[in-house]
Amino acid sequence: MAGKHNLIFTGLLLFLSVEWSWAFSVSEEELHASYWNNKAKQALHSALSMKPNVHKAKNVILFLGDGMGVPTVTATRILKGQMAGKSGEETSLVMDTFPYLALSKTYNVDQQMPDSAGTATAYLCGVKANYGTLGVTAATPRYNCSASFGNEVNSVLYRAKMSGKSVGIVTTTRVQHASPGATYAHTANRGWYADSDLTEEAVKNGCRDIAYQLVHNVEINVILGGGRQYMFPRTTSDPEYPTYRGDRNDGVDLVAEWLKNKNNAKYVWNKSDFDAVDPMKTDYLMGLFEPKDCRYELERNPNTDPSLTEMMEKAIKILSKNPNGFFLFVEDEGRIDHGHHGGRAKRALYEAVQFDRAIGRAAELTSELDTLSVVTADHSHVFAFGGYSARGNPVLGVSRELATDNKHFTTAVYGNGPGYQIVNGSRPDMNESISSGDDYRQQAPVPKDSETHGIEDVAIFAKGPMAHLFHGVQEQNYIAHAMAYAACLEPYTSCKVDPTEQSHAGAIHPSLLLLLMGLLLALLSLRPV
């Protein structure tokens, strides 16, 4: 009987805690219909006032959140709000404010569940490809070097450079990784980072590694991320970790190769040297801050490693000096994708919050009048965010209900991965103090060494010139075509856009202009006669 009373008492405490949480999280104004009606009317007014910008895009920025599926976007939004001391659900990410939205179908030509290489070839080069291949058509099977020749496809970055624009890539992974790699490389295998990674068949048939192609395929103005070890010979020690050495068998220093015949060019590998770079005096910048991938945001030392936002800001300041405009690829592949693969939601979500900060800073550094900004993901993950929880429940917390095994469970879970914790048919109980740890792996029902990508569609957010082209449900390769059309790049050099550039005065809304005129007349009426 005592056990029954204890169970009732526990249930009462749980109910009271939920009610208190609800009362604590919800503002008084949200209890009234007028609050929600007014919010909806404001949104409706914005929708009715929205007119597409049909001018040519001088600049294009593609933000790629690797592995950033819709559940990740939702969880990031709430986490961002909770980090600011709010309940979180009502918070808006910067990407949420973009006026145009579409969905992207992410499958590869040969596989239902995609990878970052085949998808990058789609959204950057405009052609869907096979799993694990970069910058080549699906006529190239993975690992088949000889089949890549004659099947190369060029990226929007390459086409922007050929049109006279400045171009750059910024990533929190190695700059030779799949997503940034598709901007410049053509290869049958995304894993051929250095010449030491090439197969015998690849060497025999003359295929080049991705790091070599980074330096030789297209002249990129700004290259920022990780990946030092693939650029240097095996005889070269890493400047930060002396026990590490380069990966190259050919003895070539690719950084030195990149610096050749370039004016106002700099190479940096640490934050102090990076901070010292003057964008006004620099036309080319390569910054490689780790031997492989950059550190997770949760681990990053702000005194030694620049953030994604800092790298992106420097890139924009250098690239925007070009009167013809620029194309910039900004990716937090890293560490969103890698956090999910490890089954560690906290790492993935903190990366996504930093990613959104970078998007916000880019908006401050550019004008929506002449800059097309696109935010998307290459694929999602089997990450889910649900369960019964009160308003304001921590993103990394537990559900208010017990599962049928009478144990707590987290609202953030994975469908598979290294978080599998079932022993003798039982899983461990959970509480928020454990689940909010930096290294905690959310529970998963299917054991795998690495959690897998998802198969569902991902979102595309867009603003700026021709952003209205992003609508409906599209094949992923459509993204590259829409960006190229907006900027009148190959094969759309005769695109039907208004070539005139809008002045900042043209950005004033008619209602605001009337208000300003009224204020001016009022001030004139106050002048003494």
Protein backbone atom coordinates (compact mmCIF):
# COMPACT_ATOMS: atom_id res chain seq x y z
CA MET A 1 0.00 0.00 0.00
CA ALA A 2 2.89 2.29 0.85
CA GLY A 3 4.28 1.75 -2.62
CA LYS A 4 0.97 2.82 -4.14
CA HIS A 5 0.93 6.01 -2.03
CA ASN A 6 4.50 6.78 -3.09
CA LEU A 7 3.51 6.37 -6.73
CA ILE A 8 0.54 8.73 -6.31
CA PHE A 9 2.74 11.27 -4.50
CA THR A 10 5.36 11.09 -7.27
CA GLY A 11 2.66 11.61 -9.87
CA LEU A 12 1.30 14.63 -8.00
CA LEU A 13 4.75 16.19 -7.80
CA LEU A 14 5.24 15.60 -11.53
CA PHE A 15 1.85 17.21 -12.29
CA LEU A 16 2.61 20.22 -10.07
CA SER A 17 6.06 20.66 -11.62
CA VAL A 18 4.51 20.62 -15.09
CA GLU A 19 1.85 23.14 -14.09
CA TRP A 20 4.47 25.40 -12.48
CA SER A 21 6.66 25.14 -15.57
CA TRP A 22 3.68 26.06 -17.76
CA ALA A 23 2.75 29.03 -15.57
CA PHE A 24 6.35 30.15 -15.40
CA SER A 25 6.98 29.92 -19.16
CA VAL A 26 3.83 31.43 -20.61
CA SER A 27 3.42 35.20 -20.65
CA GLU A 28 0.14 36.79 -19.63
CA GLU A 29 -0.48 38.26 -23.08
CA GLU A 30 -0.38 34.81 -24.72
CA LEU A 31 -3.51 33.84 -22.78
CA HIS A 32 -5.62 36.24 -24.81
CA ALA A 33 -6.91 35.81 -28.36
CA SER A 34 -5.94 39.39 -29.23
CA TYR A 35 -2.24 38.55 -28.92
CA TRP A 36 -2.39 35.75 -31.49
CA ASN A 37 -4.78 37.63 -33.76
CA ASN A 38 -2.47 40.65 -33.84
CA LYS A 39 0.58 38.50 -34.57
CA ALA A 40 -1.26 36.81 -37.43
CA LYS A 41 -2.44 40.15 -38.83
CA GLN A 42 1.13 41.49 -38.80
CA ALA A 43 2.34 38.38 -40.62
CA LEU A 44 -0.50 38.68 -43.11
CA HIS A 45 0.31 42.35 -43.73
CA SER A 46 3.94 41.43 -44.40
CA ALA A 47 2.86 38.71 -46.80
CA LEU A 48 0.53 41.05 -48.69
CA SER A 49 3.24 43.73 -48.90
CA MET A 50 5.93 41.36 -50.15
CA LYS A 51 7.12 41.98 -53.69
CA PRO A 52 9.84 39.97 -55.42
CA ASN A 53 13.16 41.65 -56.12
CA VAL A 54 13.70 40.98 -59.82
CA HIS A 55 17.08 42.69 -60.07
CA LYS A 56 20.32 40.91 -60.88
CA ALA A 57 22.20 39.52 -57.88
CA LYS A 58 25.58 41.18 -57.68
CA ASN A 59 26.60 38.92 -54.80
CA VAL A 60 25.55 35.39 -53.85
CA ILE A 61 26.11 33.75 -50.47
CA LEU A 62 25.24 30.09 -50.01
CA PHE A 63 25.03 28.99 -46.38
CA LEU A 64 25.17 25.22 -46.00
CA GLY A 65 24.27 23.60 -42.69
CA ASP A 66 25.48 20.07 -43.25
CA GLY A 67 23.00 17.62 -41.75
CA MET A 68 20.65 20.45 -40.74
CA GLY A 69 17.26 18.80 -41.17
CA VAL A 70 14.01 20.43 -40.10
CA PRO A 71 14.06 18.87 -36.59
CA THR A 72 17.54 20.32 -36.13
CA VAL A 73 16.28 23.76 -37.21
CA THR A 74 13.44 23.58 -34.68
CA ALA A 75 15.66 22.41 -31.83
CA THR A 76 18.24 25.10 -32.68
CA ARG A 77 15.57 27.80 -32.62
CA ILE A 78 14.45 26.79 -29.13
CA LEU A 79 18.03 26.40 -27.87
CA LYS A 80 18.90 29.87 -29.16
CA GLY A 81 16.00 31.33 -27.19
CA GLN A 82 16.84 29.37 -24.06
CA MET A 83 20.47 30.50 -24.22
CA ALA A 84 19.05 34.06 -24.09
CA GLY A 85 16.97 33.25 -21.00
CA LYS A 86 13.63 32.72 -22.79
CA SER A 87 11.38 29.70 -23.05
CA GLY A 88 12.65 29.38 -26.64
CA GLU A 89 9.69 28.26 -28.72
CA GLU A 90 8.75 31.82 -29.69
CA THR A 91 12.31 32.69 -30.77
CA SER A 92 13.19 33.24 -34.42
CA LEU A 93 16.39 32.18 -36.09
CA VAL A 94 17.82 34.61 -38.62
CA MET A 95 17.05 32.11 -41.37
CA ASP A 96 13.41 32.05 -40.16
CA THR A 97 13.08 35.68 -41.24
CA PHE A 98 13.95 34.93 -44.88
CA PRO A 99 10.78 35.56 -46.93
CA TYR A 100 11.03 32.65 -49.37
CA LEU A 101 11.04 28.97 -48.51
CA ALA A 102 11.21 25.71 -50.44
CA LEU A 103 11.95 22.04 -49.90
CA SER A 104 14.81 20.14 -51.49
CA LYS A 105 14.78 16.43 -52.42
CA THR A 106 18.20 15.13 -51.38
CA TYR A 107 18.58 11.62 -52.82
CA ASN A 108 21.66 10.73 -54.87
CA VAL A 109 21.33 9.14 -58.31
CA ASP A 110 22.39 5.72 -56.97
CA GLN A 111 21.25 5.91 -53.37
CA GLN A 112 18.11 6.83 -51.45
CA MET A 113 20.07 8.02 -48.41
CA PRO A 114 22.48 10.67 -49.70
CA ASP A 115 25.96 11.73 -48.67
CA SER A 116 27.59 15.16 -48.60
CA ALA A 117 29.53 14.66 -51.85
CA GLY A 118 26.69 13.68 -54.17
CA THR A 119 24.46 16.35 -52.66
CA ALA A 120 27.14 19.04 -52.94
CA THR A 121 27.54 18.23 -56.62
CA ALA A 122 23.78 18.79 -56.97
CA TYR A 123 23.36 22.11 -55.16
CA LEU A 124 26.68 23.58 -56.33
CA CYS A 125 27.08 22.16 -59.84
CA GLY A 126 23.43 21.71 -60.82
CA VAL A 127 23.69 18.00 -61.60
CA LYS A 128 22.72 15.06 -59.37
CA ALA A 129 25.52 12.56 -58.87
CA ASN A 130 26.43 9.27 -57.22
CA TYR A 131 27.10 8.76 -53.54
CA GLY A 132 30.70 9.71 -52.66
CA THR A 133 31.59 11.50 -55.91
CA LEU A 134 32.40 15.19 -56.36
CA GLY A 135 31.97 17.47 -59.37
CA VAL A 136 31.25 14.66 -61.84
CA THR A 137 28.07 13.25 -63.37
CA ALA A 138 26.47 9.97 -62.35
CA ALA A 139 28.27 8.35 -65.30
CA THR A 140 31.20 8.18 -62.86
CA PRO A 141 30.93 5.27 -60.40
CA ARG A 142 32.60 5.88 -57.06
CA TYR A 143 36.34 4.97 -56.95
CA ASN A 144 36.55 4.72 -60.77
CA CYS A 145 39.12 7.38 -61.67
CA SER A 146 39.15 6.76 -65.42
CA ALA A 147 35.35 7.21 -65.62
CA SER A 148 35.60 10.77 -64.29
CA PHE A 149 37.33 12.16 -67.38
CA GLY A 150 34.87 13.86 -69.69
CA ASN A 151 32.16 13.79 -67.03
CA GLU A 152 33.27 16.84 -65.04
CA VAL A 153 30.69 19.49 -64.10
CA ASN A 154 31.56 23.02 -62.95
CA SER A 155 30.23 24.71 -59.84
CA VAL A 156 28.49 28.05 -59.48
CA LEU A 157 31.64 29.27 -57.69
CA TYR A 158 33.73 28.39 -60.75
CA ARG A 159 31.26 30.13 -63.06
CA ALA A 160 31.19 33.21 -60.82
CA LYS A 161 34.99 33.41 -60.99
CA MET A 162 34.95 33.08 -64.77
CA SER A 163 32.48 35.99 -64.91
CA GLY A 164 34.88 38.29 -63.04
CA LYS A 165 33.60 37.94 -59.49
CA SER A 166 35.71 37.22 -56.42
CA VAL A 167 35.01 33.87 -54.77
CA GLY A 168 35.56 32.24 -51.41
CA ILE A 169 34.89 29.20 -49.24
CA VAL A 170 34.55 29.19 -45.45
CA THR A 171 34.01 25.97 -43.51
CA THR A 172 34.43 24.50 -40.05
CA THR A 173 35.69 21.24 -41.56
CA ARG A 174 38.75 20.64 -43.71
CA VAL A 175 38.58 22.75 -46.85
CA GLN A 176 39.07 19.57 -48.89
CA HIS A 177 35.92 18.00 -47.41
CA ALA A 178 32.95 16.99 -49.51
CA SER A 179 30.82 20.12 -49.30
CA PRO A 180 33.49 22.77 -50.02
CA GLY A 181 35.23 20.31 -52.34
CA ALA A 182 32.39 20.44 -54.85
CA THR A 183 33.11 24.13 -55.47
CA TYR A 184 36.39 23.27 -57.22
CA ALA A 185 37.10 19.51 -57.44
CA HIS A 186 36.24 16.71 -59.86
CA THR A 187 36.86 13.29 -58.35
CA ALA A 188 35.47 9.77 -58.24
CA ASN A 189 36.04 9.56 -54.50
CA ARG A 190 35.51 12.25 -51.87
CA GLY A 191 38.15 10.57 -49.67
CA TRP A 192 41.10 11.30 -51.97
CA TYR A 193 42.19 14.27 -49.84
CA ALA A 194 45.95 14.02 -50.52
CA ASP A 195 47.95 12.12 -53.13
CA SER A 196 48.69 9.50 -50.45
CA ASP A 197 44.98 8.61 -50.46
CA LEU A 198 44.84 7.83 -54.20
CA THR A 199 44.37 4.23 -55.31
CA GLU A 200 46.77 2.52 -57.69
CA GLU A 201 44.19 2.85 -60.47
CA ALA A 202 43.78 6.57 -59.77
CA VAL A 203 47.53 7.20 -59.86
CA LYS A 204 47.92 5.13 -63.04
CA ASN A 205 45.15 7.04 -64.84
CA GLY A 206 46.34 10.48 -63.78
CA CYS A 207 43.66 11.52 -61.28
CA ARG A 208 44.62 14.28 -58.87
CA ASP A 209 43.85 14.51 -55.18
CA ILE A 210 41.41 17.10 -53.86
CA ALA A 211 44.04 19.28 -52.14
CA TYR A 212 45.96 19.54 -55.43
CA GLN A 213 42.76 20.56 -57.21
CA LEU A 214 42.04 23.20 -54.56
CA VAL A 215 45.18 25.02 -55.62
CA HIS A 216 45.12 24.37 -59.37
CA ASN A 217 41.53 24.13 -60.64
CA VAL A 218 40.22 27.63 -59.96
CA GLU A 219 41.76 30.73 -58.38
CA ILE A 220 39.84 31.09 -55.10
CA ASN A 221 40.32 34.40 -53.31
CA VAL A 222 39.51 33.29 -49.77
CA ILE A 223 39.94 29.77 -48.35
CA LEU A 224 39.26 29.40 -44.62
CA GLY A 225 38.80 26.26 -42.52
CA GLY A 226 40.84 23.20 -41.55
CA GLY A 227 42.86 20.71 -43.58
CA ARG A 228 46.53 21.67 -43.14
CA GLN A 229 47.92 18.15 -43.27
CA TYR A 230 46.85 17.51 -46.87
CA MET A 231 48.75 20.57 -48.10
CA PHE A 232 52.26 19.67 -46.90
CA PRO A 233 54.83 16.88 -47.48
CA ARG A 234 55.36 14.09 -44.96
CA THR A 235 58.66 15.75 -44.04
CA THR A 236 56.89 18.87 -42.77
CA SER A 237 55.88 19.08 -39.11
CA ASP A 238 52.64 20.79 -38.18
CA PRO A 239 53.29 24.25 -36.66
CA GLU A 240 50.75 23.73 -33.86
CA TYR A 241 51.11 20.00 -33.16
CA PRO A 242 54.79 19.07 -33.81
CA THR A 243 54.10 15.32 -33.70
CA TYR A 244 51.75 15.70 -36.68
CA ARG A 245 53.18 15.73 -40.19
CA GLY A 246 51.90 16.42 -43.66
CA ASP A 247 50.25 13.72 -45.77
CA ARG A 248 51.73 14.34 -49.19
CA ASN A 249 53.95 11.78 -50.91
CA ASP A 250 54.86 14.09 -53.81
CA GLY A 251 56.93 16.41 -51.59
CA VAL A 252 54.97 19.46 -52.79
CA ASP A 253 54.10 22.36 -50.48
CA LEU A 254 50.68 23.30 -51.86
CA VAL A 255 50.42 26.43 -49.73
CA ALA A 256 53.61 27.74 -51.33
CA GLU A 257 52.18 26.78 -54.72
CA TRP A 258 49.00 28.72 -53.97
CA LEU A 259 50.90 31.84 -52.90
CA LYS A 260 52.94 31.95 -56.12
CA ASN A 261 52.27 34.82 -58.54
CA LYS A 262 49.60 36.38 -56.31
CA ASN A 263 49.70 39.96 -55.15
CA ASN A 264 48.50 40.85 -51.64
CA ALA A 265 48.23 37.18 -50.68
CA LYS A 266 48.56 35.75 -47.17
CA TYR A 267 48.55 32.36 -45.48
CA VAL A 268 47.73 32.05 -41.76
CA TRP A 269 47.24 29.12 -39.40
CA ASN A 270 46.41 30.76 -36.07
CA LYS A 271 43.97 33.36 -34.81
CA SER A 272 46.48 36.08 -33.96
CA ASP A 273 47.82 36.12 -37.52
CA PHE A 274 44.26 35.85 -38.83
CA ASP A 275 43.15 38.85 -36.76
CA ALA A 276 46.12 40.84 -38.06
CA VAL A 277 45.03 40.43 -41.70
CA ASP A 278 43.81 43.77 -43.07
CA PRO A 279 41.01 43.05 -45.58
CA MET A 280 41.65 46.34 -47.37
CA LYS A 281 45.24 45.30 -48.09
CA THR A 282 44.52 41.62 -48.82
CA ASP A 283 43.16 40.17 -52.05
CA TYR A 284 43.92 36.51 -51.34
CA LEU A 285 43.73 34.77 -47.97
CA MET A 286 44.20 31.12 -47.05
CA GLY A 287 43.69 30.22 -43.40
CA LEU A 288 44.02 26.59 -42.28
CA PHE A 289 43.50 26.38 -38.53
CA GLU A 290 43.66 22.63 -37.85
CA PRO A 291 45.35 19.60 -39.46
CA LYS A 292 41.89 18.17 -40.22
CA ASP A 293 38.52 19.60 -39.12
CA CYS A 294 38.15 22.67 -36.94
CA ARG A 295 37.11 22.16 -33.34
CA TYR A 296 33.52 21.97 -32.21
CA GLU A 297 32.12 25.27 -31.02
CA LEU A 298 31.80 23.77 -27.52
CA GLU A 299 35.55 23.04 -27.54
CA ARG A 300 36.88 25.98 -29.54
CA ASN A 301 39.41 28.22 -27.79
CA PRO A 302 38.41 31.76 -28.87
CA ASN A 303 41.99 32.93 -28.28
CA THR A 304 43.53 30.48 -30.74
CA ASP A 305 40.80 29.55 -33.25
CA PRO A 306 38.47 31.92 -35.13
CA SER A 307 34.75 31.19 -35.14
CA LEU A 308 32.72 30.54 -38.26
CA THR A 309 31.29 34.05 -37.93
CA GLU A 310 34.75 35.64 -37.69
CA MET A 311 36.01 33.72 -40.72
CA MET A 312 32.95 34.64 -42.74
CA GLU A 313 33.20 38.33 -41.80
CA LYS A 314 36.81 38.51 -42.94
CA ALA A 315 35.89 36.76 -46.18
CA ILE A 316 33.07 39.17 -47.00
CA LYS A 317 35.26 42.20 -46.31
CA ILE A 318 37.92 40.91 -48.71
CA LEU A 319 35.55 39.73 -51.44
CA SER A 320 33.27 42.78 -51.41
CA LYS A 321 36.05 45.02 -52.72
CA ASN A 322 35.42 43.59 -56.19
CA PRO A 323 33.03 45.95 -58.06
CA ASN A 324 31.74 42.93 -60.02
CA GLY A 325 30.57 41.26 -56.82
CA PHE A 326 31.33 37.90 -55.24
CA PHE A 327 30.21 34.33 -54.59
CA LEU A 328 30.80 32.94 -51.10
CA PHE A 329 30.19 29.43 -49.81
CA VAL A 330 29.80 29.29 -46.02
CA GLU A 331 29.46 25.91 -44.39
CA ASP A 332 29.11 24.58 -40.88
CA GLU A 333 29.26 21.07 -42.15
CA GLY A 334 31.23 20.11 -39.51
CA ARG A 335 30.27 20.24 -36.89
CA ILE A 336 26.48 19.99 -37.14
CA ASP A 337 26.88 16.81 -39.20
CA HIS A 338 29.67 15.32 -37.12
CA GLY A 339 27.85 16.00 -33.86
CA HIS A 340 24.83 14.10 -35.16
CA HIS A 341 26.98 11.23 -36.44
CA GLY A 342 28.38 10.88 -32.93
CA GLY A 343 24.89 10.84 -31.45
CA ARG A 344 25.70 13.99 -29.48
CA ALA A 345 22.85 16.43 -30.01
CA LYS A 346 24.38 19.18 -27.86
CA ARG A 347 27.43 19.45 -30.08
CA ALA A 348 25.31 19.55 -33.24
CA LEU A 349 22.87 22.15 -31.91
CA TYR A 350 25.50 24.51 -30.52
CA GLU A 351 27.14 24.42 -33.96
CA ALA A 352 23.81 25.31 -35.53
CA VAL A 353 23.38 28.30 -33.19
CA GLN A 354 26.81 29.59 -34.28
CA PHE A 355 25.80 28.98 -37.89
CA ASP A 356 22.75 31.21 -37.41
CA ARG A 357 24.94 33.90 -35.85
CA ALA A 358 27.06 33.87 -39.00
CA ILE A 359 23.95 34.31 -41.14
CA GLY A 360 22.93 37.30 -39.01
CA ARG A 361 26.36 38.91 -39.26
CA ALA A 362 26.35 38.46 -43.04
CA ALA A 363 23.06 40.37 -43.17
CA GLU A 364 24.76 43.28 -41.39
CA LEU A 365 27.68 43.28 -43.83
CA THR A 366 25.66 43.08 -47.06
CA SER A 367 22.54 44.57 -48.60
CA GLU A 368 19.45 42.54 -49.40
CA LEU A 369 19.05 44.78 -52.44
CA ASP A 370 21.98 43.27 -54.33
CA THR A 371 22.91 40.12 -52.39
CA LEU A 372 21.09 36.82 -52.79
CA SER A 373 21.40 34.79 -49.57
CA VAL A 374 20.43 31.13 -49.57
CA VAL A 375 20.42 28.83 -46.53
CA THR A 376 19.95 25.10 -46.92
CA ALA A 377 21.21 21.67 -45.89
CA ASP A 378 22.68 18.88 -47.95
CA HIS A 379 20.76 16.20 -46.07
CA SER A 380 19.21 15.55 -42.69
CA HIS A 381 19.88 12.97 -39.96
CA VAL A 382 17.74 10.44 -38.13
CA PHE A 383 17.46 12.99 -35.34
CA ALA A 384 14.01 13.46 -33.81
CA PHE A 385 12.78 16.05 -31.34
CA GLY A 386 9.57 15.20 -29.53
CA GLY A 387 7.90 13.63 -26.50
CA TYR A 388 5.56 15.19 -23.97
CA SER A 389 7.14 18.32 -22.54
CA ALA A 390 5.98 21.59 -21.01
CA ARG A 391 6.56 24.96 -22.61
CA GLY A 392 10.16 25.98 -22.07
CA ASN A 393 11.39 22.44 -21.44
CA PRO A 394 15.18 22.36 -22.04
CA VAL A 395 16.04 21.17 -25.54
CA LEU A 396 18.45 18.67 -24.03
CA GLY A 397 16.09 17.75 -21.20
CA VAL A 398 13.70 14.87 -20.54
CA SER A 399 10.02 14.30 -21.22
CA ARG A 400 7.53 14.94 -18.43
CA GLU A 401 6.12 11.44 -18.92
CA LEU A 402 7.72 8.12 -18.14
CA ALA A 403 8.04 5.48 -20.83
CA THR A 404 6.30 2.13 -20.38
CA ASP A 405 9.48 0.81 -18.74
CA ASN A 406 8.92 3.45 -16.01
CA LYS A 407 12.08 5.33 -16.97
CA HIS A 408 12.64 8.86 -18.22
CA PHE A 409 13.65 9.60 -21.80
CA THR A 410 15.08 12.65 -23.56
CA THR A 411 12.99 14.70 -25.98
CA ALA A 412 15.96 14.67 -28.40
CA VAL A 413 16.66 11.16 -29.69
CA TYR A 414 18.25 9.36 -32.63
CA GLY A 415 16.84 6.54 -34.71
CA ASN A 416 20.17 4.73 -34.69
CA GLY A 417 23.79 5.28 -33.71
CA PRO A 418 26.35 4.93 -30.92
CA GLY A 419 23.75 5.98 -28.32
CA TYR A 420 22.39 2.41 -28.21
CA GLN A 421 22.33 1.61 -24.49
CA ILE A 422 20.10 -1.46 -24.10
CA VAL A 423 21.68 -4.13 -21.88
CA ASN A 424 19.80 -7.37 -21.10
CA GLY A 425 16.67 -5.87 -22.59
CA SER A 426 16.79 -2.77 -20.39
CA ARG A 427 17.94 0.81 -20.89
CA PRO A 428 19.28 3.22 -18.24
CA ASP A 429 17.09 5.85 -16.62
CA MET A 430 17.79 9.46 -17.55
CA ASN A 431 17.73 12.92 -16.02
CA GLU A 432 18.54 16.40 -17.30
CA SER A 433 21.83 16.74 -15.41
CA ILE A 434 23.16 13.79 -17.41
CA SER A 435 21.48 14.52 -20.75
CA SER A 436 22.73 18.12 -20.85
CA GLY A 437 26.39 17.10 -20.66
CA ASP A 438 28.69 18.07 -23.52
CA ASP A 439 29.54 14.45 -24.36
CA TYR A 440 26.19 12.79 -23.66
CA ARG A 441 24.92 10.54 -26.44
CA GLN A 442 21.15 10.50 -26.83
CA GLN A 443 19.65 7.01 -26.65
CA ALA A 444 19.10 5.13 -29.92
CA PRO A 445 17.20 1.87 -30.55
CA VAL A 446 19.51 0.57 -33.30
CA PRO A 447 23.25 0.07 -32.58
CA LYS A 448 25.66 1.64 -35.07
CA ASP A 449 29.17 3.03 -34.75
CA SER A 450 28.02 6.22 -36.48
CA GLU A 451 24.48 7.57 -36.69
CA THR A 452 23.20 7.77 -40.28
CA HIS A 453 21.93 10.52 -42.54
CA GLY A 454 18.22 10.96 -43.03
CA ILE A 455 16.31 10.57 -46.29
CA GLU A 456 13.61 13.25 -45.97
CA ASP A 457 13.53 16.65 -47.67
CA VAL A 458 15.40 19.62 -46.23
CA ALA A 459 14.46 23.30 -46.23
CA ILE A 460 15.77 26.10 -48.44
CA PHE A 461 15.53 29.66 -47.07
CA ALA A 462 16.18 32.59 -49.43
CA LYS A 463 16.19 36.39 -49.53
CA GLY A 464 17.45 39.05 -51.90
CA PRO A 465 17.41 39.38 -55.71
CA MET A 466 15.41 36.60 -57.40
CA ALA A 467 14.89 34.82 -54.08
CA HIS A 468 11.30 34.09 -55.15
CA LEU A 469 12.71 31.45 -57.47
CA PHE A 470 13.00 29.27 -54.38
CA HIS A 471 9.49 27.87 -53.96
CA GLY A 472 7.67 24.56 -53.77
CA VAL A 473 9.39 21.17 -53.66
CA GLN A 474 12.44 21.01 -55.90
CA GLU A 475 15.16 18.58 -56.87
CA GLN A 476 18.32 19.57 -55.03
CA ASN A 477 20.21 20.43 -58.21
CA TYR A 478 17.68 23.23 -58.84
CA ILE A 479 19.47 25.31 -56.19
CA ALA A 480 22.54 25.79 -58.37
CA HIS A 481 20.42 26.75 -61.37
CA ALA A 482 18.41 29.33 -59.41
CA MET A 483 21.58 30.94 -58.03
CA ALA A 484 23.21 31.00 -61.46
CA TYR A 485 20.10 32.56 -63.02
CA ALA A 486 19.87 35.23 -60.31
CA ALA A 487 23.48 36.28 -60.95
CA CYS A 488 23.29 35.76 -64.76
CA LEU A 489 26.05 33.16 -64.72
CA GLU A 490 26.53 30.33 -67.22
CA PRO A 491 24.36 28.96 -68.68
CA TYR A 492 22.03 31.91 -67.94
CA THR A 493 24.11 34.87 -69.14
CA SER A 494 21.05 36.14 -71.01
CA CYS A 495 18.82 35.89 -67.94
CA LYS A 496 15.68 38.04 -67.89
CA VAL A 497 16.34 40.14 -64.80
CA ASP A 498 16.44 43.89 -64.29
CA PRO A 499 20.16 44.70 -64.68
CA THR A 500 19.92 48.06 -62.91
CA GLU A 501 21.12 48.19 -59.34
CA GLN A 502 18.70 49.52 -56.79
CA SER A 503 19.90 52.43 -54.72
CA HIS A 504 19.44 52.43 -50.98
CA ALA A 505 16.83 55.15 -51.40
CA GLY A 506 14.78 52.70 -53.39
CA ALA A 507 14.59 50.47 -50.33
CA ILE A 508 12.33 52.90 -48.47
CA HIS A 509 8.82 51.52 -48.20
CA PRO A 510 6.14 53.94 -49.54
CA SER A 511 4.42 54.10 -46.14
CA LEU A 512 7.72 55.00 -44.46
CA LEU A 513 8.35 57.66 -47.10
CA LEU A 514 4.94 59.22 -46.37
CA LEU A 515 5.71 59.19 -42.64
CA LEU A 516 9.03 60.93 -43.20
CA MET A 517 7.35 63.56 -45.39
CA GLY A 518 4.75 64.14 -42.67
CA LEU A 519 7.42 64.61 -40.04
CA LEU A 520 9.27 67.04 -42.30
CA LEU A 521 6.10 69.11 -42.83
CA ALA A 522 5.44 69.09 -39.09
CA LEU A 523 8.96 70.36 -38.38
CA LEU A 524 8.57 73.10 -41.00
CA SER A 525 5.31 74.21 -39.40
CA LEU A 526 7.11 74.71 -36.09
CA ARG A 527 9.61 77.14 -37.58
CA PRO A 528 9.06 80.78 -36.51
CA VAL A 529 7.60 83.02 -39.22
